[in-house]
């Protein structure tokens, strides 16, 4: 079962909306200390339950509209900001489709015709249904970001959701009524999707892309328990922590259970720690600005020599030889 990072800014958003954070977490059957943890994570089902719990407090669509179009809302999460830096709306949606699944288990299905671009929002797990509140937030955010980034009052061709959204304020915002149907889908004119974004910023994308790509590809986010352990280690290593106790605490299990689950998959904690460090090391080495001491620190090594010995075992080369080979390739 996959675990996804939860932005701590959610707590600020809930407070701004006048909602009791602890009560929301309680209704969602989540830990009351969720936002006190250094790197909070939830499964897709837990995240959806969190959204349902928020909606159970009778949050008005008008308030959701206000919060979803707030200034600087695009900085709420890395994939959202990366999308905002795109060259146009089509590129923006493609980026969101590629990386959104890393953060809450949502799948963006994009289809293109000669005249239109459509975006369908659904859960990656076919047995789950995306909550109404989350669909509304995503649709408002996407339309608002496209308008803000292109400085154009883009009106969708059509809007369809699995939920009733017959609210005058929503129709006024989108510029068209929201139809009730079998999909959660927005359809745009293709010409609107090719309008240039004034917010295009390749330097910022260069900053975000390695982290997002690393999460998506190199760490192999899967449903195995080994994958969960590696995901935890990625977050913990950045803070200088790599103990089995810290990972077990993060997964809310005992160290004994953690070891048993790994043994069932034919591995152990040290192997997963070494594997995660190796993947991260090869990623960090691509950045010519990072020296060996900085990489060793980012991987949680107490001294540089320990990292250098480990890297030689992994690759059969020193860091400098490995970098030289990358340049020559």
C-alpha atoms as a PDB file:
ATOM      1  CA  UNK A   1       0.000   0.000   0.000  1.00  0.00           C
ATOM      2  CA  UNK A   2       1.466   3.316  -1.060  1.00  0.00           C
ATOM      3  CA  UNK A   3       1.988   6.223   1.300  1.00  0.00           C
ATOM      4  CA  UNK A   4       2.002   9.809   0.051  1.00  0.00           C
ATOM      5  CA  UNK A   5       3.423  12.955   1.666  1.00  0.00           C
ATOM      6  CA  UNK A   6       0.861  15.435   2.984  1.00  0.00           C
ATOM      7  CA  UNK A   7       1.602  19.134   2.808  1.00  0.00           C
ATOM      8  CA  UNK A   8       1.737  20.669   6.297  1.00  0.00           C
ATOM      9  CA  UNK A   9       0.103  23.788   4.857  1.00  0.00           C
ATOM     10  CA  UNK A  10      -3.151  21.825   5.005  1.00  0.00           C
ATOM     11  CA  UNK A  11      -3.270  22.641   8.695  1.00  0.00           C
ATOM     12  CA  UNK A  12      -3.062  26.367   7.902  1.00  0.00           C
ATOM     13  CA  UNK A  13      -5.773  26.028   5.255  1.00  0.00           C
ATOM     14  CA  UNK A  14      -8.109  24.279   7.694  1.00  0.00           C
ATOM     15  CA  UNK A  15      -7.498  26.921  10.330  1.00  0.00           C
ATOM     16  CA  UNK A  16      -8.105  29.673   7.780  1.00  0.00           C
ATOM     17  CA  UNK A  17     -11.397  27.985   6.889  1.00  0.00           C
ATOM     18  CA  UNK A  18     -12.374  28.025  10.559  1.00  0.00           C
ATOM     19  CA  UNK A  19     -12.324  24.229  10.891  1.00  0.00           C
ATOM     20  CA  UNK A  20     -11.177  22.417  14.063  1.00  0.00           C
ATOM     21  CA  UNK A  21      -8.093  20.533  12.868  1.00  0.00           C
ATOM     22  CA  UNK A  22      -8.143  17.903  15.624  1.00  0.00           C
ATOM     23  CA  UNK A  23     -11.829  17.139  15.055  1.00  0.00           C
ATOM     24  CA  UNK A  24     -11.294  16.783  11.303  1.00  0.00           C
ATOM     25  CA  UNK A  25      -8.486  14.282  11.921  1.00  0.00           C
ATOM     26  CA  UNK A  26     -10.611  12.434  14.451  1.00  0.00           C
ATOM     27  CA  UNK A  27     -13.539  12.084  12.018  1.00  0.00           C
ATOM     28  CA  UNK A  28     -11.116  10.758   9.394  1.00  0.00           C
ATOM     29  CA  UNK A  29      -9.742   8.202  11.896  1.00  0.00           C
ATOM     30  CA  UNK A  30      -6.273   9.697  11.537  1.00  0.00           C
ATOM     31  CA  UNK A  31      -3.629  10.400  14.135  1.00  0.00           C
ATOM     32  CA  UNK A  32      -4.287  13.666  15.966  1.00  0.00           C
ATOM     33  CA  UNK A  33      -0.540  14.284  15.721  1.00  0.00           C
ATOM     34  CA  UNK A  34      -0.443  13.983  11.923  1.00  0.00           C
ATOM     35  CA  UNK A  35       0.701  17.552  11.301  1.00  0.00           C
ATOM     36  CA  UNK A  36       3.155  17.472  14.206  1.00  0.00           C
ATOM     37  CA  UNK A  37       5.238  14.778  12.524  1.00  0.00           C
ATOM     38  CA  UNK A  38       8.209  15.969  10.498  1.00  0.00           C
ATOM     39  CA  UNK A  39       7.011  14.379   7.264  1.00  0.00           C
ATOM     40  CA  UNK A  40       3.324  13.379   7.469  1.00  0.00           C
ATOM     41  CA  UNK A  41       2.128  10.672   5.077  1.00  0.00           C
ATOM     42  CA  UNK A  42      -1.232   9.090   4.229  1.00  0.00           C
ATOM     43  CA  UNK A  43      -2.457   6.280   2.018  1.00  0.00           C
ATOM     44  CA  UNK A  44      -4.849   7.217  -0.794  1.00  0.00           C
ATOM     45  CA  UNK A  45      -7.790   5.877   1.205  1.00  0.00           C
ATOM     46  CA  UNK A  46      -6.734   7.876   4.273  1.00  0.00           C
ATOM     47  CA  UNK A  47      -6.284  10.995   2.153  1.00  0.00           C
ATOM     48  CA  UNK A  48      -9.762  10.564   0.665  1.00  0.00           C
ATOM     49  CA  UNK A  49     -11.212  10.026   4.148  1.00  0.00           C
ATOM     50  CA  UNK A  50      -9.475  13.235   5.218  1.00  0.00           C
ATOM     51  CA  UNK A  51     -11.241  15.106   2.399  1.00  0.00           C
ATOM     52  CA  UNK A  52     -14.578  13.554   3.329  1.00  0.00           C
ATOM     53  CA  UNK A  53     -14.074  14.538   6.959  1.00  0.00           C
ATOM     54  CA  UNK A  54     -13.466  18.156   5.934  1.00  0.00           C
ATOM     55  CA  UNK A  55     -16.624  18.137   3.824  1.00  0.00           C
ATOM     56  CA  UNK A  56     -18.616  16.663   6.711  1.00  0.00           C
ATOM     57  CA  UNK A  57     -18.271  20.030   8.458  1.00  0.00           C
ATOM     58  CA  UNK A  58     -20.547  21.486   5.772  1.00  0.00           C
ATOM     59  CA  UNK A  59     -17.811  23.499   4.108  1.00  0.00           C
ATOM     60  CA  UNK A  60     -19.534  25.696   1.535  1.00  0.00           C
ATOM     61  CA  UNK A  61     -18.573  25.602  -2.141  1.00  0.00           C
ATOM     62  CA  UNK A  62     -18.144  29.376  -1.922  1.00  0.00           C
ATOM     63  CA  UNK A  63     -15.442  28.944   0.737  1.00  0.00           C
ATOM     64  CA  UNK A  64     -13.727  26.225  -1.304  1.00  0.00           C
ATOM     65  CA  UNK A  65     -13.755  28.587  -4.278  1.00  0.00           C
ATOM     66  CA  UNK A  66     -12.240  31.367  -2.182  1.00  0.00           C
ATOM     67  CA  UNK A  67      -9.455  29.190  -0.762  1.00  0.00           C
ATOM     68  CA  UNK A  68      -8.675  27.468  -4.081  1.00  0.00           C
ATOM     69  CA  UNK A  69      -8.166  30.801  -5.848  1.00  0.00           C
ATOM     70  CA  UNK A  70      -6.164  32.480  -3.083  1.00  0.00           C
ATOM     71  CA  UNK A  71      -3.015  34.358  -4.007  1.00  0.00           C
ATOM     72  CA  UNK A  72       0.066  32.135  -4.298  1.00  0.00           C
ATOM     73  CA  UNK A  73      -2.039  28.951  -4.060  1.00  0.00           C
ATOM     74  CA  UNK A  74       0.170  27.528  -6.823  1.00  0.00           C
ATOM     75  CA  UNK A  75       3.017  27.258  -4.295  1.00  0.00           C
ATOM     76  CA  UNK A  76       0.966  24.839  -2.166  1.00  0.00           C
ATOM     77  CA  UNK A  77       2.797  21.774  -3.495  1.00  0.00           C
ATOM     78  CA  UNK A  78       5.851  21.010  -5.671  1.00  0.00           C
ATOM     79  CA  UNK A  79       3.867  19.501  -8.602  1.00  0.00           C
ATOM     80  CA  UNK A  80       1.499  22.475  -8.614  1.00  0.00           C
ATOM     81  CA  UNK A  81       4.325  24.994  -8.698  1.00  0.00           C
ATOM     82  CA  UNK A  82       6.151  22.971 -11.344  1.00  0.00           C
ATOM     83  CA  UNK A  83       2.974  23.062 -13.454  1.00  0.00           C
ATOM     84  CA  UNK A  84       2.674  26.822 -12.946  1.00  0.00           C
ATOM     85  CA  UNK A  85       6.187  27.229 -14.403  1.00  0.00           C
ATOM     86  CA  UNK A  86       5.151  25.515 -17.664  1.00  0.00           C
ATOM     87  CA  UNK A  87       5.212  27.151 -21.092  1.00  0.00           C
ATOM     88  CA  UNK A  88       1.456  26.773 -21.692  1.00  0.00           C
ATOM     89  CA  UNK A  89      -1.686  25.133 -20.291  1.00  0.00           C
ATOM     90  CA  UNK A  90      -1.253  21.894 -22.240  1.00  0.00           C
ATOM     91  CA  UNK A  91       2.280  21.516 -20.934  1.00  0.00           C
ATOM     92  CA  UNK A  92       0.956  22.403 -17.477  1.00  0.00           C
ATOM     93  CA  UNK A  93      -1.638  19.611 -17.525  1.00  0.00           C
ATOM     94  CA  UNK A  94       0.882  17.079 -18.825  1.00  0.00           C
ATOM     95  CA  UNK A  95       3.226  17.906 -15.946  1.00  0.00           C
ATOM     96  CA  UNK A  96       0.430  17.613 -13.427  1.00  0.00           C
ATOM     97  CA  UNK A  97      -0.616  14.288 -14.956  1.00  0.00           C
ATOM     98  CA  UNK A  98       2.931  12.980 -14.657  1.00  0.00           C
ATOM     99  CA  UNK A  99       3.585  13.962 -11.056  1.00  0.00           C
ATOM    100  CA  UNK A 100       0.230  14.404  -9.288  1.00  0.00           C
ATOM    101  CA  UNK A 101      -0.031  10.670  -8.609  1.00  0.00           C
ATOM    102  CA  UNK A 102       3.080  10.894  -6.434  1.00  0.00           C
ATOM    103  CA  UNK A 103       1.266  13.018  -3.889  1.00  0.00           C
ATOM    104  CA  UNK A 104      -2.280  11.746  -3.415  1.00  0.00           C
ATOM    105  CA  UNK A 105      -2.986   8.769  -5.673  1.00  0.00           C
ATOM    106  CA  UNK A 106      -4.993  10.685  -8.270  1.00  0.00           C
ATOM    107  CA  UNK A 107      -4.734   9.907 -11.975  1.00  0.00           C
ATOM    108  CA  UNK A 108      -5.071  12.685 -14.583  1.00  0.00           C
ATOM    109  CA  UNK A 109      -6.126  11.221 -17.926  1.00  0.00           C
ATOM    110  CA  UNK A 110      -5.522  13.670 -20.789  1.00  0.00           C
ATOM    111  CA  UNK A 111      -6.989  13.214 -24.269  1.00  0.00           C
ATOM    112  CA  UNK A 112      -6.326  15.427 -27.282  1.00  0.00           C
ATOM    113  CA  UNK A 113      -8.373  15.962 -30.447  1.00  0.00           C
ATOM    114  CA  UNK A 114      -7.915  18.429 -33.292  1.00  0.00           C
ATOM    115  CA  UNK A 115      -9.925  21.057 -31.417  1.00  0.00           C
ATOM    116  CA  UNK A 116     -10.012  20.116 -27.719  1.00  0.00           C
ATOM    117  CA  UNK A 117      -7.976  18.966 -24.742  1.00  0.00           C
ATOM    118  CA  UNK A 118      -9.849  16.998 -22.067  1.00  0.00           C
ATOM    119  CA  UNK A 119      -8.751  16.147 -18.548  1.00  0.00           C
ATOM    120  CA  UNK A 120     -10.418  13.379 -16.544  1.00  0.00           C
ATOM    121  CA  UNK A 121      -9.738  13.112 -12.795  1.00  0.00           C
ATOM    122  CA  UNK A 122     -10.002   9.686 -11.174  1.00  0.00           C
ATOM    123  CA  UNK A 123      -8.414   7.559  -8.467  1.00  0.00           C
ATOM    124  CA  UNK A 124      -5.464   5.343  -9.373  1.00  0.00           C
ATOM    125  CA  UNK A 125      -7.134   2.617  -7.309  1.00  0.00           C
ATOM    126  CA  UNK A 126     -10.247   1.676  -9.287  1.00  0.00           C
ATOM    127  CA  UNK A 127     -11.970   0.563  -6.081  1.00  0.00           C
ATOM    128  CA  UNK A 128     -11.847   4.072  -4.635  1.00  0.00           C
ATOM    129  CA  UNK A 129     -13.944   7.089  -5.588  1.00  0.00           C
ATOM    130  CA  UNK A 130     -12.415  10.571  -5.503  1.00  0.00           C
ATOM    131  CA  UNK A 131     -14.361  12.679  -2.957  1.00  0.00           C
ATOM    132  CA  UNK A 132     -16.510  15.560  -4.167  1.00  0.00           C
ATOM    133  CA  UNK A 133     -14.432  18.136  -2.282  1.00  0.00           C
ATOM    134  CA  UNK A 134     -11.195  16.974  -3.885  1.00  0.00           C
ATOM    135  CA  UNK A 135     -12.715  17.029  -7.383  1.00  0.00           C
ATOM    136  CA  UNK A 136     -13.971  20.562  -6.793  1.00  0.00           C
ATOM    137  CA  UNK A 137     -10.616  21.762  -5.449  1.00  0.00           C
ATOM    138  CA  UNK A 138      -8.717  20.297  -8.397  1.00  0.00           C
ATOM    139  CA  UNK A 139     -11.064  21.701 -11.039  1.00  0.00           C
ATOM    140  CA  UNK A 140     -11.127  25.189  -9.515  1.00  0.00           C
ATOM    141  CA  UNK A 141      -7.376  25.188  -9.049  1.00  0.00           C
ATOM    142  CA  UNK A 142      -6.647  24.071 -12.622  1.00  0.00           C
ATOM    143  CA  UNK A 143      -8.917  26.670 -14.235  1.00  0.00           C
ATOM    144  CA  UNK A 144      -7.696  29.424 -11.909  1.00  0.00           C
ATOM    145  CA  UNK A 145      -4.029  28.589 -12.542  1.00  0.00           C
ATOM    146  CA  UNK A 146      -4.499  28.540 -16.331  1.00  0.00           C
ATOM    147  CA  UNK A 147      -6.206  31.929 -16.218  1.00  0.00           C
ATOM    148  CA  UNK A 148      -3.626  33.447 -13.903  1.00  0.00           C
ATOM    149  CA  UNK A 149      -0.613  32.063 -15.761  1.00  0.00           C
ATOM    150  CA  UNK A 150      -1.889  33.008 -19.233  1.00  0.00           C
ATOM    151  CA  UNK A 151      -3.536  36.269 -18.118  1.00  0.00           C
ATOM    152  CA  UNK A 152      -6.592  35.197 -20.136  1.00  0.00           C
ATOM    153  CA  UNK A 153     -10.164  34.516 -19.013  1.00  0.00           C
ATOM    154  CA  UNK A 154     -10.217  30.941 -20.293  1.00  0.00           C
ATOM    155  CA  UNK A 155     -13.697  29.358 -20.258  1.00  0.00           C
ATOM    156  CA  UNK A 156     -13.884  25.540 -20.448  1.00  0.00           C
ATOM    157  CA  UNK A 157     -15.879  23.998 -23.286  1.00  0.00           C
ATOM    158  CA  UNK A 158     -17.649  21.697 -20.863  1.00  0.00           C
ATOM    159  CA  UNK A 159     -17.545  20.471 -17.258  1.00  0.00           C
ATOM    160  CA  UNK A 160     -18.858  17.178 -15.924  1.00  0.00           C
ATOM    161  CA  UNK A 161     -18.696  15.614 -12.449  1.00  0.00           C
ATOM    162  CA  UNK A 162     -20.167  12.618 -10.686  1.00  0.00           C
ATOM    163  CA  UNK A 163     -21.514  14.986  -8.045  1.00  0.00           C
ATOM    164  CA  UNK A 164     -24.192  17.658  -8.092  1.00  0.00           C
ATOM    165  CA  UNK A 165     -22.602  21.120  -8.138  1.00  0.00           C
ATOM    166  CA  UNK A 166     -25.504  23.383  -8.990  1.00  0.00           C
ATOM    167  CA  UNK A 167     -24.130  26.399  -7.143  1.00  0.00           C
ATOM    168  CA  UNK A 168     -24.458  29.864  -8.772  1.00  0.00           C
ATOM    169  CA  UNK A 169     -21.006  30.944  -7.573  1.00  0.00           C
ATOM    170  CA  UNK A 170     -19.394  27.926  -9.247  1.00  0.00           C
ATOM    171  CA  UNK A 171     -21.197  28.505 -12.544  1.00  0.00           C
ATOM    172  CA  UNK A 172     -20.160  32.147 -12.397  1.00  0.00           C
ATOM    173  CA  UNK A 173     -16.520  31.181 -11.777  1.00  0.00           C
ATOM    174  CA  UNK A 174     -16.272  28.555 -14.516  1.00  0.00           C
ATOM    175  CA  UNK A 175     -18.429  30.518 -16.949  1.00  0.00           C
ATOM    176  CA  UNK A 176     -20.550  27.453 -17.781  1.00  0.00           C
ATOM    177  CA  UNK A 177     -22.854  25.086 -15.855  1.00  0.00           C
ATOM    178  CA  UNK A 178     -21.453  21.863 -14.385  1.00  0.00           C
ATOM    179  CA  UNK A 179     -23.196  18.815 -15.824  1.00  0.00           C
ATOM    180  CA  UNK A 180     -23.907  15.678 -13.805  1.00  0.00           C
ATOM    181  CA  UNK A 181     -22.411  12.612 -15.462  1.00  0.00           C
ATOM    182  CA  UNK A 182     -20.296   9.470 -15.175  1.00  0.00           C
ATOM    183  CA  UNK A 183     -16.916  11.224 -15.271  1.00  0.00           C
ATOM    184  CA  UNK A 184     -15.084  14.038 -13.535  1.00  0.00           C
ATOM    185  CA  UNK A 185     -13.880  15.823 -16.650  1.00  0.00           C
ATOM    186  CA  UNK A 186     -12.974  19.278 -17.963  1.00  0.00           C
ATOM    187  CA  UNK A 187     -12.800  19.940 -21.705  1.00  0.00           C
ATOM    188  CA  UNK A 188     -10.905  22.981 -23.012  1.00  0.00           C
ATOM    189  CA  UNK A 189     -10.519  24.562 -26.427  1.00  0.00           C
ATOM    190  CA  UNK A 190      -7.153  23.521 -27.791  1.00  0.00           C
ATOM    191  CA  UNK A 191      -6.296  27.074 -28.820  1.00  0.00           C
ATOM    192  CA  UNK A 192      -6.699  28.178 -25.178  1.00  0.00           C
ATOM    193  CA  UNK A 193      -4.384  25.403 -24.032  1.00  0.00           C
ATOM    194  CA  UNK A 194      -1.613  26.704 -26.288  1.00  0.00           C
ATOM    195  CA  UNK A 195      -1.667  30.259 -24.929  1.00  0.00           C
ATOM    196  CA  UNK A 196       1.794  31.076 -23.523  1.00  0.00           C
ATOM    197  CA  UNK A 197       2.169  31.199 -19.745  1.00  0.00           C
ATOM    198  CA  UNK A 198       3.584  34.462 -18.406  1.00  0.00           C
ATOM    199  CA  UNK A 199       4.746  32.417 -15.417  1.00  0.00           C
ATOM    200  CA  UNK A 200       7.018  30.172 -17.495  1.00  0.00           C
ATOM    201  CA  UNK A 201      10.213  29.671 -15.505  1.00  0.00           C
ATOM    202  CA  UNK A 202      12.598  26.972 -16.669  1.00  0.00           C
ATOM    203  CA  UNK A 203      15.128  27.740 -13.942  1.00  0.00           C
ATOM    204  CA  UNK A 204      12.546  26.925 -11.253  1.00  0.00           C
ATOM    205  CA  UNK A 205      11.504  23.814 -13.153  1.00  0.00           C
ATOM    206  CA  UNK A 206      15.150  22.767 -13.200  1.00  0.00           C
ATOM    207  CA  UNK A 207      15.095  23.075  -9.427  1.00  0.00           C
ATOM    208  CA  UNK A 208      11.972  20.931  -8.935  1.00  0.00           C
ATOM    209  CA  UNK A 209      12.362  18.371 -11.713  1.00  0.00           C
ATOM    210  CA  UNK A 210      15.163  16.202 -10.216  1.00  0.00           C
ATOM    211  CA  UNK A 211      13.237  15.729  -6.963  1.00  0.00           C
ATOM    212  CA  UNK A 212       9.974  14.877  -8.715  1.00  0.00           C
ATOM    213  CA  UNK A 213      11.682  12.569 -11.186  1.00  0.00           C
ATOM    214  CA  UNK A 214      13.586  10.845  -8.398  1.00  0.00           C
ATOM    215  CA  UNK A 215      10.348  10.146  -6.570  1.00  0.00           C
ATOM    216  CA  UNK A 216       8.641   8.890  -9.717  1.00  0.00           C
ATOM    217  CA  UNK A 217      11.311   6.753 -11.322  1.00  0.00           C
ATOM    218  CA  UNK A 218      14.378   5.943  -9.261  1.00  0.00           C
ATOM    219  CA  UNK A 219      12.702   5.073  -5.997  1.00  0.00           C
ATOM    220  CA  UNK A 220      10.184   2.772  -7.665  1.00  0.00           C
ATOM    221  CA  UNK A 221       7.153   3.723  -5.586  1.00  0.00           C
ATOM    222  CA  UNK A 222       5.369   0.395  -5.351  1.00  0.00           C
ATOM    223  CA  UNK A 223       2.991  -1.447  -3.106  1.00  0.00           C
ATOM    224  CA  UNK A 224       5.636  -3.739  -1.599  1.00  0.00           C
ATOM    225  CA  UNK A 225       6.649  -3.253   1.999  1.00  0.00           C
ATOM    226  CA  UNK A 226      10.243  -2.763   0.828  1.00  0.00           C
ATOM    227  CA  UNK A 227       9.027   0.147  -1.256  1.00  0.00           C
ATOM    228  CA  UNK A 228       7.373   1.723   1.780  1.00  0.00           C
ATOM    229  CA  UNK A 229      10.600   1.395   3.754  1.00  0.00           C
ATOM    230  CA  UNK A 230      12.613   3.022   0.970  1.00  0.00           C
ATOM    231  CA  UNK A 231      10.112   5.872   0.711  1.00  0.00           C
ATOM    232  CA  UNK A 232      10.439   6.533   4.436  1.00  0.00           C
ATOM    233  CA  UNK A 233      14.219   6.418   4.233  1.00  0.00           C
ATOM    234  CA  UNK A 234      14.270   9.040   1.479  1.00  0.00           C
ATOM    235  CA  UNK A 235      12.438  11.480   3.747  1.00  0.00           C
ATOM    236  CA  UNK A 236      14.426  10.582   6.859  1.00  0.00           C
ATOM    237  CA  UNK A 237      17.895  10.651   5.297  1.00  0.00           C
ATOM    238  CA  UNK A 238      17.509  14.318   4.402  1.00  0.00           C
ATOM    239  CA  UNK A 239      17.175  15.009   8.131  1.00  0.00           C
ATOM    240  CA  UNK A 240      20.205  12.914   9.044  1.00  0.00           C
ATOM    241  CA  UNK A 241      18.153   9.964  10.326  1.00  0.00           C
ATOM    242  CA  UNK A 242      18.467   6.407   9.024  1.00  0.00           C
ATOM    243  CA  UNK A 243      17.716   4.090  11.946  1.00  0.00           C
ATOM    244  CA  UNK A 244      15.307   1.176  11.790  1.00  0.00           C
ATOM    245  CA  UNK A 245      13.556   2.639  14.834  1.00  0.00           C
ATOM    246  CA  UNK A 246      12.820   5.895  12.983  1.00  0.00           C
ATOM    247  CA  UNK A 247      11.398   4.029   9.972  1.00  0.00           C
ATOM    248  CA  UNK A 248       9.275   1.752  12.173  1.00  0.00           C
ATOM    249  CA  UNK A 249       7.900   4.789  14.005  1.00  0.00           C
ATOM    250  CA  UNK A 250       7.096   6.431  10.685  1.00  0.00           C
ATOM    251  CA  UNK A 251       5.152   3.343   9.558  1.00  0.00           C
ATOM    252  CA  UNK A 252       3.459   3.011  12.971  1.00  0.00           C
ATOM    253  CA  UNK A 253       4.765  -0.525  13.563  1.00  0.00           C
ATOM    254  CA  UNK A 254       7.361  -2.148  15.805  1.00  0.00           C
ATOM    255  CA  UNK A 255      10.927  -2.782  14.629  1.00  0.00           C
ATOM    256  CA  UNK A 256      10.256  -6.481  15.023  1.00  0.00           C
ATOM    257  CA  UNK A 257       7.268  -6.338  12.674  1.00  0.00           C
ATOM    258  CA  UNK A 258       9.280  -4.253  10.208  1.00  0.00           C
ATOM    259  CA  UNK A 259      12.063  -6.837  10.152  1.00  0.00           C
ATOM    260  CA  UNK A 260       9.575  -9.701   9.769  1.00  0.00           C
ATOM    261  CA  UNK A 261       7.790  -8.059   6.826  1.00  0.00           C
ATOM    262  CA  UNK A 262      11.094  -7.409   5.052  1.00  0.00           C
ATOM    263  CA  UNK A 263      12.199 -11.015   5.623  1.00  0.00           C
ATOM    264  CA  UNK A 264       8.963 -12.174   3.986  1.00  0.00           C
ATOM    265  CA  UNK A 265      10.064 -10.272   0.867  1.00  0.00           C
ATOM    266  CA  UNK A 266      13.543 -11.800   0.977  1.00  0.00           C
ATOM    267  CA  UNK A 267      15.380  -8.709   2.167  1.00  0.00           C
ATOM    268  CA  UNK A 268      16.366  -6.864   5.331  1.00  0.00           C
ATOM    269  CA  UNK A 269      16.611  -3.314   6.610  1.00  0.00           C
ATOM    270  CA  UNK A 270      20.317  -2.833   5.895  1.00  0.00           C
ATOM    271  CA  UNK A 271      19.869  -3.932   2.291  1.00  0.00           C
ATOM    272  CA  UNK A 272      17.043  -1.433   1.815  1.00  0.00           C
ATOM    273  CA  UNK A 273      19.081   1.338   3.440  1.00  0.00           C
ATOM    274  CA  UNK A 274      22.046   0.580   1.170  1.00  0.00           C
ATOM    275  CA  UNK A 275      19.792   0.398  -1.898  1.00  0.00           C
ATOM    276  CA  UNK A 276      18.170   3.740  -1.116  1.00  0.00           C
ATOM    277  CA  UNK A 277      21.514   5.404  -0.482  1.00  0.00           C
ATOM    278  CA  UNK A 278      22.899   4.030  -3.742  1.00  0.00           C
ATOM    279  CA  UNK A 279      19.963   5.347  -5.776  1.00  0.00           C
ATOM    280  CA  UNK A 280      20.159   8.747  -4.114  1.00  0.00           C
ATOM    281  CA  UNK A 281      23.936   8.918  -4.458  1.00  0.00           C
ATOM    282  CA  UNK A 282      23.768   8.324  -8.222  1.00  0.00           C
ATOM    283  CA  UNK A 283      21.119  11.018  -8.468  1.00  0.00           C
ATOM    284  CA  UNK A 284      23.064  13.545  -6.371  1.00  0.00           C
ATOM    285  CA  UNK A 285      26.266  12.923  -8.322  1.00  0.00           C
ATOM    286  CA  UNK A 286      24.532  14.183 -11.460  1.00  0.00           C
ATOM    287  CA  UNK A 287      24.574  17.609  -9.809  1.00  0.00           C
ATOM    288  CA  UNK A 288      28.105  18.853 -10.445  1.00  0.00           C
ATOM    289  CA  UNK A 289      27.603  21.559  -7.812  1.00  0.00           C
ATOM    290  CA  UNK A 290      27.490  19.014  -4.973  1.00  0.00           C
ATOM    291  CA  UNK A 291      30.844  17.885  -3.602  1.00  0.00           C
ATOM    292  CA  UNK A 292      31.562  14.529  -1.963  1.00  0.00           C
ATOM    293  CA  UNK A 293      31.210  15.919   1.566  1.00  0.00           C
ATOM    294  CA  UNK A 294      27.759  17.362   0.802  1.00  0.00           C
ATOM    295  CA  UNK A 295      26.552  14.133  -0.792  1.00  0.00           C
ATOM    296  CA  UNK A 296      27.776  12.099   2.191  1.00  0.00           C
ATOM    297  CA  UNK A 297      25.863  14.444   4.505  1.00  0.00           C
ATOM    298  CA  UNK A 298      22.659  14.172   2.422  1.00  0.00           C
ATOM    299  CA  UNK A 299      22.879  10.382   2.635  1.00  0.00           C
ATOM    300  CA  UNK A 300      23.225  10.410   6.416  1.00  0.00           C
ATOM    301  CA  UNK A 301      26.852   9.262   6.637  1.00  0.00           C
ATOM    302  CA  UNK A 302      28.823  10.336   9.684  1.00  0.00           C
ATOM    303  CA  UNK A 303      32.033  10.702   7.696  1.00  0.00           C
ATOM    304  CA  UNK A 304      33.042  11.030   4.047  1.00  0.00           C
ATOM    305  CA  UNK A 305      35.303   7.968   4.010  1.00  0.00           C
ATOM    306  CA  UNK A 306      32.382   5.671   4.909  1.00  0.00           C
ATOM    307  CA  UNK A 307      30.407   7.008   1.957  1.00  0.00           C
ATOM    308  CA  UNK A 308      33.381   6.695  -0.403  1.00  0.00           C
ATOM    309  CA  UNK A 309      33.928   3.047   0.593  1.00  0.00           C
ATOM    310  CA  UNK A 310      30.244   2.266   0.115  1.00  0.00           C
ATOM    311  CA  UNK A 311      30.133   3.976  -3.274  1.00  0.00           C
ATOM    312  CA  UNK A 312      33.164   2.001  -4.465  1.00  0.00           C
ATOM    313  CA  UNK A 313      31.382  -1.222  -3.471  1.00  0.00           C
ATOM    314  CA  UNK A 314      28.200  -0.200  -5.314  1.00  0.00           C
ATOM    315  CA  UNK A 315      29.830   0.896  -8.555  1.00  0.00           C
ATOM    316  CA  UNK A 316      33.416  -0.356  -8.531  1.00  0.00           C
ATOM    317  CA  UNK A 317      34.511   3.261  -9.012  1.00  0.00           C
ATOM    318  CA  UNK A 318      35.353   6.305  -6.972  1.00  0.00           C
ATOM    319  CA  UNK A 319      32.993   9.291  -7.089  1.00  0.00           C
ATOM    320  CA  UNK A 320      35.391  11.228  -9.324  1.00  0.00           C
ATOM    321  CA  UNK A 321      35.766   8.262 -11.707  1.00  0.00           C
ATOM    322  CA  UNK A 322      32.000   7.827 -11.849  1.00  0.00           C
ATOM    323  CA  UNK A 323      31.484  11.508 -12.647  1.00  0.00           C
ATOM    324  CA  UNK A 324      34.156  11.382 -15.307  1.00  0.00           C
ATOM    325  CA  UNK A 325      32.403   8.432 -16.927  1.00  0.00           C
ATOM    326  CA  UNK A 326      29.113  10.356 -16.927  1.00  0.00           C
ATOM    327  CA  UNK A 327      30.731  13.258 -18.775  1.00  0.00           C
ATOM    328  CA  UNK A 328      32.264  10.966 -21.366  1.00  0.00           C
ATOM    329  CA  UNK A 329      29.044   9.020 -21.946  1.00  0.00           C
END
